[in-house]
Structure formats: structure tokens, C-alpha cells
Amino acid sequence: MGDATTSCRSRELSSASASPPRGIVFLVALAAALVGAVALRQLAWLVGPVFLALVIVTLTHPVHAWLRQHKAPALISLIGLVVCIYGLVIALVAVIAFSMARLAGLLPAYADSANAIIRALSARLSNLGIAAPQLQAVVAALDLRRAAAAVTALLRSMISFGASLIFFLSLLLFMAIDSVGIDSRIAMLSAQRPGLARALQTFETPGGTLPLPASLD
């Protein structure tokens, strides 16, 4: 009995000595998080469009499942999915462009009122004893026409977004084509992880689930 207790204690001591200290584990985890954050920042031009494309394809994939449920051909279902994806992207771009154009057009109309408010604020601050150079710096910073010019320049810079948009649309197309085979992948997954397969089917199918294999019922 004593030999067994001694051997158990020796195994516990050896396992405790083999594990690294918690401080080192914390520092390694912190370093890995920092490296990951820097990598995400450097690859933001790639990670951002990929995640946005994934969200859009996931959002519109129930259209494909609904068409397949209603006995639509595979090609028609794929075309419907691609049309929905591109229609959503075009609608988003149109809304953003229209909003920025309206903002750039409305800001100069309110320039006189904004300048009057700024002059009144400057007089109030001058009465409180704030020096004139500081007031001039504040007024220059609050110039609404500069804001309108900045918005207009930002609107012009959207033209250079064409290459990134082409990459994004191509990424959407390939993801949409790849998502068509999700049903066969879920059927393979249902043999090993039936709960996960049922959750994915519930998520992707509007109004219910697709029939699972008989072994999972």
C-alpha cells in the first residue's frame, strides 16, 4: 500500500515538474496574441474581404436551400444564389455611394449657419478669456467647407476601389460555387458529429431542417 502511494506521489511530482510554469504559458499566449493582431493588421486587405464574403454567402445561402427544396435544378439554384449575392453587394455599394454623395452636397448648404454658430461660440469663448490665436485654430479646425472637401475627396477615392471590388466579387463567386456542395459535406459529417450536422442543417434551411439519415433519427 505504501509503495503504491509513493509511486502515485512520484508520478504527480514528475507531471507537475514537466509542465511549464504558468508565467511562461501566459507570456507565450500574450506573444502569440500580439503576433496574430499584427498579422491581421498587415493582412487586413485580405482578411476583411474574405470575412465579408463569408458573411454574405452565409446570409444568402438559404436561397439555394429553398430552391433545392422546391425541386429546382442545381444550375438554376446556383444562378439564383449568385444573383442574390451580387444583388446584395450592388445594393450596399449603391446605398453607400448615394449617402456619401448626398452628404457632400448637403454640407455646403449648411456652411453659413455653421459659420454663424462658430462665430457666436468664438465670441463666447473670447468673453471667457481665451486668446485669439487659440480661437482661430479652433475655427479653422471647425470649417465645414473643409469637411465637404474631405468627403468629396473620399468619394473620388472610391474609383480606385475597382481592383479590390473585382477581387471581392471573384471571391464571392468561388465561395458561392463551393457552398453548393455543403449538403454532401453535412451528410459526411452526420456520421461522426450528428449534433453539429443537425445544427448546420437547421441554420442553412429556412423554416426547418432537411431530413437526416435514418441512423440519426
C-alpha atoms as a PDB file:
ATOM      1  CA  MET A   1       0.000   0.000   0.000  1.00  0.00           C
ATOM      2  CA  GLY A   2       2.824   2.369   0.902  1.00  0.00           C
ATOM      3  CA  ASP A   3       4.686   1.585  -2.315  1.00  0.00           C
ATOM      4  CA  ALA A   4       1.552   2.404  -4.382  1.00  0.00           C
ATOM      5  CA  THR A   5       1.058   5.727  -2.574  1.00  0.00           C
ATOM      6  CA  THR A   6       4.709   6.611  -3.053  1.00  0.00           C
ATOM      7  CA  SER A   7       4.548   5.796  -6.770  1.00  0.00           C
ATOM      8  CA  CYS A   8       1.390   7.905  -7.213  1.00  0.00           C
ATOM      9  CA  ARG A   9       3.022  10.859  -5.469  1.00  0.00           C
ATOM     10  CA  SER A  10       6.161  10.473  -7.560  1.00  0.00           C
ATOM     11  CA  ARG A  11       4.083  10.461 -10.772  1.00  0.00           C
ATOM     12  CA  GLU A  12       2.239  13.596  -9.651  1.00  0.00           C
ATOM     13  CA  LEU A  13       5.514  15.350  -8.843  1.00  0.00           C
ATOM     14  CA  SER A  14       7.050  14.342 -12.173  1.00  0.00           C
ATOM     15  CA  SER A  15       3.997  15.563 -14.139  1.00  0.00           C
ATOM     16  CA  ALA A  16       3.976  18.841 -12.203  1.00  0.00           C
ATOM     17  CA  SER A  17       7.668  19.352 -12.853  1.00  0.00           C
ATOM     18  CA  ALA A  18       7.233  18.521 -16.558  1.00  0.00           C
ATOM     19  CA  SER A  19       4.533  21.187 -17.133  1.00  0.00           C
ATOM     20  CA  PRO A  20       5.904  24.695 -17.830  1.00  0.00           C
ATOM     21  CA  PRO A  21       5.328  27.491 -15.312  1.00  0.00           C
ATOM     22  CA  ARG A  22       2.141  29.488 -15.641  1.00  0.00           C
ATOM     23  CA  GLY A  23       4.067  32.707 -16.163  1.00  0.00           C
ATOM     24  CA  ILE A  24       5.783  31.296 -19.227  1.00  0.00           C
ATOM     25  CA  VAL A  25       2.468  30.000 -20.590  1.00  0.00           C
ATOM     26  CA  PHE A  26       0.915  33.446 -20.104  1.00  0.00           C
ATOM     27  CA  LEU A  27       3.827  35.203 -21.827  1.00  0.00           C
ATOM     28  CA  VAL A  28       3.745  32.775 -24.764  1.00  0.00           C
ATOM     29  CA  ALA A  29      -0.017  33.238 -25.133  1.00  0.00           C
ATOM     30  CA  LEU A  30       0.371  37.033 -24.965  1.00  0.00           C
ATOM     31  CA  ALA A  31       3.126  36.959 -27.582  1.00  0.00           C
ATOM     32  CA  ALA A  32       1.001  34.744 -29.841  1.00  0.00           C
ATOM     33  CA  ALA A  33      -1.941  37.146 -29.490  1.00  0.00           C
ATOM     34  CA  LEU A  34       0.256  40.127 -30.356  1.00  0.00           C
ATOM     35  CA  VAL A  35       1.708  38.341 -33.382  1.00  0.00           C
ATOM     36  CA  GLY A  36      -1.789  37.408 -34.513  1.00  0.00           C
ATOM     37  CA  ALA A  37      -3.007  41.002 -34.123  1.00  0.00           C
ATOM     38  CA  VAL A  38      -0.052  42.354 -36.118  1.00  0.00           C
ATOM     39  CA  ALA A  39      -0.602  39.717 -38.806  1.00  0.00           C
ATOM     40  CA  LEU A  40      -4.291  40.617 -39.043  1.00  0.00           C
ATOM     41  CA  ARG A  41      -3.386  44.291 -39.344  1.00  0.00           C
ATOM     42  CA  GLN A  42      -0.874  43.629 -42.112  1.00  0.00           C
ATOM     43  CA  LEU A  43      -3.270  41.296 -43.948  1.00  0.00           C
ATOM     44  CA  ALA A  44      -6.363  43.446 -43.407  1.00  0.00           C
ATOM     45  CA  TRP A  45      -6.673  43.929 -47.177  1.00  0.00           C
ATOM     46  CA  LEU A  46      -7.187  40.161 -47.481  1.00  0.00           C
ATOM     47  CA  VAL A  47      -8.856  39.166 -44.197  1.00  0.00           C
ATOM     48  CA  GLY A  48     -11.536  41.872 -44.412  1.00  0.00           C
ATOM     49  CA  PRO A  49     -12.897  40.922 -47.858  1.00  0.00           C
ATOM     50  CA  VAL A  50     -12.718  37.210 -47.038  1.00  0.00           C
ATOM     51  CA  PHE A  51     -14.799  37.609 -43.872  1.00  0.00           C
ATOM     52  CA  LEU A  52     -17.261  39.926 -45.625  1.00  0.00           C
ATOM     53  CA  ALA A  53     -17.652  37.454 -48.472  1.00  0.00           C
ATOM     54  CA  LEU A  54     -18.172  34.634 -45.979  1.00  0.00           C
ATOM     55  CA  VAL A  55     -20.883  36.625 -44.190  1.00  0.00           C
ATOM     56  CA  ILE A  56     -22.687  37.488 -47.437  1.00  0.00           C
ATOM     57  CA  VAL A  57     -22.562  33.911 -48.755  1.00  0.00           C
ATOM     58  CA  THR A  58     -23.800  32.579 -45.411  1.00  0.00           C
ATOM     59  CA  LEU A  59     -26.594  35.151 -45.418  1.00  0.00           C
ATOM     60  CA  THR A  60     -27.814  34.287 -48.912  1.00  0.00           C
ATOM     61  CA  HIS A  61     -27.243  30.516 -48.894  1.00  0.00           C
ATOM     62  CA  PRO A  62     -30.793  29.763 -47.614  1.00  0.00           C
ATOM     63  CA  VAL A  63     -31.973  30.908 -51.064  1.00  0.00           C
ATOM     64  CA  HIS A  64     -30.116  27.979 -52.608  1.00  0.00           C
ATOM     65  CA  ALA A  65     -31.503  25.567 -49.998  1.00  0.00           C
ATOM     66  CA  TRP A  66     -35.038  26.883 -50.608  1.00  0.00           C
ATOM     67  CA  LEU A  67     -34.712  26.428 -54.363  1.00  0.00           C
ATOM     68  CA  ARG A  68     -33.393  22.895 -53.930  1.00  0.00           C
ATOM     69  CA  GLN A  69     -36.272  22.088 -51.593  1.00  0.00           C
ATOM     70  CA  HIS A  70     -38.688  23.176 -54.333  1.00  0.00           C
ATOM     71  CA  LYS A  71     -37.060  20.790 -56.852  1.00  0.00           C
ATOM     72  CA  ALA A  72     -35.227  23.472 -58.799  1.00  0.00           C
ATOM     73  CA  PRO A  73     -32.305  22.230 -60.931  1.00  0.00           C
ATOM     74  CA  ALA A  74     -28.838  22.567 -59.483  1.00  0.00           C
ATOM     75  CA  LEU A  75     -27.756  25.085 -62.130  1.00  0.00           C
ATOM     76  CA  ILE A  76     -30.828  27.273 -61.571  1.00  0.00           C
ATOM     77  CA  SER A  77     -30.264  27.166 -57.810  1.00  0.00           C
ATOM     78  CA  LEU A  78     -26.637  28.212 -58.253  1.00  0.00           C
ATOM     79  CA  ILE A  79     -27.593  31.049 -60.599  1.00  0.00           C
ATOM     80  CA  GLY A  80     -30.230  32.232 -58.129  1.00  0.00           C
ATOM     81  CA  LEU A  81     -27.677  32.212 -55.322  1.00  0.00           C
ATOM     82  CA  VAL A  82     -25.131  34.186 -57.389  1.00  0.00           C
ATOM     83  CA  VAL A  83     -27.793  36.706 -58.438  1.00  0.00           C
ATOM     84  CA  CYS A  84     -28.833  37.231 -54.807  1.00  0.00           C
ATOM     85  CA  ILE A  85     -25.208  37.676 -53.705  1.00  0.00           C
ATOM     86  CA  TYR A  86     -24.340  40.189 -56.414  1.00  0.00           C
ATOM     87  CA  GLY A  87     -27.664  41.981 -55.963  1.00  0.00           C
ATOM     88  CA  LEU A  88     -26.944  42.430 -52.260  1.00  0.00           C
ATOM     89  CA  VAL A  89     -23.431  43.745 -52.978  1.00  0.00           C
ATOM     90  CA  ILE A  90     -24.710  46.171 -55.623  1.00  0.00           C
ATOM     91  CA  ALA A  91     -27.417  47.402 -53.247  1.00  0.00           C
ATOM     92  CA  LEU A  92     -24.861  48.001 -50.479  1.00  0.00           C
ATOM     93  CA  VAL A  93     -22.486  49.878 -52.791  1.00  0.00           C
ATOM     94  CA  ALA A  94     -25.334  51.967 -54.224  1.00  0.00           C
ATOM     95  CA  VAL A  95     -26.609  52.916 -50.766  1.00  0.00           C
ATOM     96  CA  ILE A  96     -23.124  53.912 -49.549  1.00  0.00           C
ATOM     97  CA  ALA A  97     -22.340  55.924 -52.696  1.00  0.00           C
ATOM     98  CA  PHE A  98     -25.704  57.700 -52.612  1.00  0.00           C
ATOM     99  CA  SER A  99     -25.334  58.538 -48.919  1.00  0.00           C
ATOM    100  CA  MET A 100     -21.846  59.975 -49.385  1.00  0.00           C
ATOM    101  CA  ALA A 101     -22.925  61.988 -52.432  1.00  0.00           C
ATOM    102  CA  ARG A 102     -25.889  63.402 -50.520  1.00  0.00           C
ATOM    103  CA  LEU A 103     -23.657  64.257 -47.570  1.00  0.00           C
ATOM    104  CA  ALA A 104     -21.157  66.025 -49.816  1.00  0.00           C
ATOM    105  CA  GLY A 105     -23.985  68.004 -51.384  1.00  0.00           C
ATOM    106  CA  LEU A 106     -25.719  68.934 -48.132  1.00  0.00           C
ATOM    107  CA  LEU A 107     -22.698  70.100 -46.145  1.00  0.00           C
ATOM    108  CA  PRO A 108     -22.052  73.301 -48.162  1.00  0.00           C
ATOM    109  CA  ALA A 109     -25.708  74.295 -47.807  1.00  0.00           C
ATOM    110  CA  TYR A 110     -25.288  74.443 -44.041  1.00  0.00           C
ATOM    111  CA  ALA A 111     -21.928  76.269 -44.196  1.00  0.00           C
ATOM    112  CA  ASP A 112     -23.372  79.728 -43.459  1.00  0.00           C
ATOM    113  CA  SER A 113     -25.383  78.525 -40.468  1.00  0.00           C
ATOM    114  CA  ALA A 114     -22.414  76.589 -39.146  1.00  0.00           C
ATOM    115  CA  ASN A 115     -20.128  79.603 -39.551  1.00  0.00           C
ATOM    116  CA  ALA A 116     -22.623  81.787 -37.655  1.00  0.00           C
ATOM    117  CA  ILE A 117     -22.712  79.269 -34.823  1.00  0.00           C
ATOM    118  CA  ILE A 118     -18.908  79.114 -34.807  1.00  0.00           C
ATOM    119  CA  ARG A 119     -18.625  82.922 -34.688  1.00  0.00           C
ATOM    120  CA  ALA A 120     -21.067  83.070 -31.783  1.00  0.00           C
ATOM    121  CA  LEU A 121     -19.113  80.363 -29.999  1.00  0.00           C
ATOM    122  CA  SER A 122     -15.875  82.249 -30.659  1.00  0.00           C
ATOM    123  CA  ALA A 123     -17.334  85.427 -29.164  1.00  0.00           C
ATOM    124  CA  ARG A 124     -18.482  83.498 -26.105  1.00  0.00           C
ATOM    125  CA  LEU A 125     -15.057  81.940 -25.662  1.00  0.00           C
ATOM    126  CA  SER A 126     -13.382  85.316 -26.136  1.00  0.00           C
ATOM    127  CA  ASN A 127     -15.531  86.727 -23.342  1.00  0.00           C
ATOM    128  CA  LEU A 128     -14.306  83.891 -21.157  1.00  0.00           C
ATOM    129  CA  GLY A 129     -10.688  84.997 -21.712  1.00  0.00           C
ATOM    130  CA  ILE A 130      -9.452  82.530 -24.306  1.00  0.00           C
ATOM    131  CA  ALA A 131      -6.732  84.022 -26.528  1.00  0.00           C
ATOM    132  CA  ALA A 132      -7.372  84.932 -30.174  1.00  0.00           C
ATOM    133  CA  PRO A 133      -4.797  82.532 -31.741  1.00  0.00           C
ATOM    134  CA  GLN A 134      -6.404  79.620 -29.961  1.00  0.00           C
ATOM    135  CA  LEU A 135      -9.812  80.741 -31.235  1.00  0.00           C
ATOM    136  CA  GLN A 136      -8.507  80.974 -34.775  1.00  0.00           C
ATOM    137  CA  ALA A 137      -7.107  77.446 -34.546  1.00  0.00           C
ATOM    138  CA  VAL A 138     -10.446  76.131 -33.279  1.00  0.00           C
ATOM    139  CA  VAL A 139     -12.397  77.968 -36.003  1.00  0.00           C
ATOM    140  CA  ALA A 140     -10.041  76.660 -38.696  1.00  0.00           C
ATOM    141  CA  ALA A 141     -10.497  73.147 -37.405  1.00  0.00           C
ATOM    142  CA  LEU A 142     -14.295  73.516 -37.462  1.00  0.00           C
ATOM    143  CA  ASP A 143     -14.508  74.770 -41.070  1.00  0.00           C
ATOM    144  CA  LEU A 144     -17.399  72.903 -42.652  1.00  0.00           C
ATOM    145  CA  ARG A 145     -16.178  73.526 -46.192  1.00  0.00           C
ATOM    146  CA  ARG A 146     -13.042  71.545 -45.379  1.00  0.00           C
ATOM    147  CA  ALA A 147     -15.239  68.681 -44.245  1.00  0.00           C
ATOM    148  CA  ALA A 148     -17.173  68.880 -47.527  1.00  0.00           C
ATOM    149  CA  ALA A 149     -13.899  68.850 -49.476  1.00  0.00           C
ATOM    150  CA  ALA A 150     -12.729  65.824 -47.488  1.00  0.00           C
ATOM    151  CA  VAL A 151     -15.964  63.974 -48.213  1.00  0.00           C
ATOM    152  CA  THR A 152     -15.656  64.832 -51.913  1.00  0.00           C
ATOM    153  CA  ALA A 153     -12.059  63.579 -51.973  1.00  0.00           C
ATOM    154  CA  LEU A 154     -13.189  60.382 -50.268  1.00  0.00           C
ATOM    155  CA  LEU A 155     -15.887  59.983 -52.892  1.00  0.00           C
ATOM    156  CA  ARG A 156     -13.279  60.323 -55.640  1.00  0.00           C
ATOM    157  CA  SER A 157     -11.041  57.762 -53.958  1.00  0.00           C
ATOM    158  CA  MET A 158     -13.797  55.169 -54.326  1.00  0.00           C
ATOM    159  CA  ILE A 159     -12.858  54.953 -58.016  1.00  0.00           C
ATOM    160  CA  SER A 160      -9.588  53.253 -57.049  1.00  0.00           C
ATOM    161  CA  PHE A 161     -11.635  50.642 -55.248  1.00  0.00           C
ATOM    162  CA  GLY A 162     -12.278  48.883 -58.557  1.00  0.00           C
ATOM    163  CA  ALA A 163      -9.467  46.347 -58.334  1.00  0.00           C
ATOM    164  CA  SER A 164     -10.415  45.363 -54.796  1.00  0.00           C
ATOM    165  CA  LEU A 165     -14.046  45.120 -55.838  1.00  0.00           C
ATOM    166  CA  ILE A 166     -13.173  42.760 -58.680  1.00  0.00           C
ATOM    167  CA  PHE A 167     -11.219  40.584 -56.259  1.00  0.00           C
ATOM    168  CA  PHE A 168     -14.116  40.647 -53.808  1.00  0.00           C
ATOM    169  CA  LEU A 169     -16.697  39.714 -56.459  1.00  0.00           C
ATOM    170  CA  SER A 170     -14.496  36.855 -57.689  1.00  0.00           C
ATOM    171  CA  LEU A 171     -14.143  35.655 -54.111  1.00  0.00           C
ATOM    172  CA  LEU A 172     -17.916  35.771 -53.707  1.00  0.00           C
ATOM    173  CA  LEU A 173     -18.379  33.732 -56.881  1.00  0.00           C
ATOM    174  CA  PHE A 174     -15.967  30.995 -55.810  1.00  0.00           C
ATOM    175  CA  MET A 175     -17.477  30.842 -52.317  1.00  0.00           C
ATOM    176  CA  ALA A 176     -20.964  30.602 -53.771  1.00  0.00           C
ATOM    177  CA  ILE A 177     -19.926  27.726 -56.047  1.00  0.00           C
ATOM    178  CA  ASP A 178     -18.180  25.989 -53.152  1.00  0.00           C
ATOM    179  CA  SER A 179     -21.195  26.381 -50.865  1.00  0.00           C
ATOM    180  CA  VAL A 180     -23.347  24.333 -53.255  1.00  0.00           C
ATOM    181  CA  GLY A 181     -21.651  21.146 -52.015  1.00  0.00           C
ATOM    182  CA  ILE A 182     -22.388  21.857 -48.358  1.00  0.00           C
ATOM    183  CA  ASP A 183     -25.160  19.231 -48.267  1.00  0.00           C
ATOM    184  CA  SER A 184     -22.807  16.381 -49.178  1.00  0.00           C
ATOM    185  CA  ARG A 185     -20.307  17.607 -46.588  1.00  0.00           C
ATOM    186  CA  ILE A 186     -23.018  17.711 -43.923  1.00  0.00           C
ATOM    187  CA  ALA A 187     -24.042  14.155 -44.863  1.00  0.00           C
ATOM    188  CA  MET A 188     -20.450  13.038 -44.295  1.00  0.00           C
ATOM    189  CA  LEU A 189     -20.296  14.998 -41.032  1.00  0.00           C
ATOM    190  CA  SER A 190     -23.549  13.466 -39.756  1.00  0.00           C
ATOM    191  CA  ALA A 191     -21.874  10.071 -39.431  1.00  0.00           C
ATOM    192  CA  GLN A 192     -19.374  11.427 -36.880  1.00  0.00           C
ATOM    193  CA  ARG A 193     -20.976  14.544 -35.360  1.00  0.00           C
ATOM    194  CA  PRO A 194     -24.770  14.229 -35.674  1.00  0.00           C
ATOM    195  CA  GLY A 195     -25.454  17.152 -33.334  1.00  0.00           C
ATOM    196  CA  LEU A 196     -23.245  19.515 -35.320  1.00  0.00           C
ATOM    197  CA  ALA A 197     -24.740  18.285 -38.594  1.00  0.00           C
ATOM    198  CA  ARG A 198     -28.285  18.891 -37.314  1.00  0.00           C
ATOM    199  CA  ALA A 199     -27.315  22.391 -36.131  1.00  0.00           C
ATOM    200  CA  LEU A 200     -25.848  23.272 -39.531  1.00  0.00           C
ATOM    201  CA  GLN A 201     -28.915  21.956 -41.326  1.00  0.00           C
ATOM    202  CA  THR A 202     -31.208  23.952 -39.048  1.00  0.00           C
ATOM    203  CA  PHE A 203     -29.171  27.091 -39.756  1.00  0.00           C
ATOM    204  CA  GLU A 204     -28.991  26.764 -43.521  1.00  0.00           C
ATOM    205  CA  THR A 205     -32.582  25.699 -44.212  1.00  0.00           C
ATOM    206  CA  PRO A 206     -35.377  28.273 -43.838  1.00  0.00           C
ATOM    207  CA  GLY A 207     -38.340  27.082 -41.818  1.00  0.00           C
ATOM    208  CA  GLY A 208     -36.907  23.791 -40.588  1.00  0.00           C
ATOM    209  CA  THR A 209     -34.349  21.086 -41.264  1.00  0.00           C
ATOM    210  CA  LEU A 210     -33.525  18.821 -44.128  1.00  0.00           C
ATOM    211  CA  PRO A 211     -34.051  15.098 -43.499  1.00  0.00           C
ATOM    212  CA  LEU A 212     -31.119  13.426 -41.803  1.00  0.00           C
ATOM    213  CA  PRO A 213     -30.003   9.854 -42.455  1.00  0.00           C
ATOM    214  CA  ALA A 214     -32.041   7.163 -40.761  1.00  0.00           C
ATOM    215  CA  SER A 215     -29.226   6.365 -38.348  1.00  0.00           C
ATOM    216  CA  LEU A 216     -29.576   9.829 -36.796  1.00  0.00           C
ATOM    217  CA  ASP A 217     -33.354   9.841 -36.362  1.00  0.00           C
END
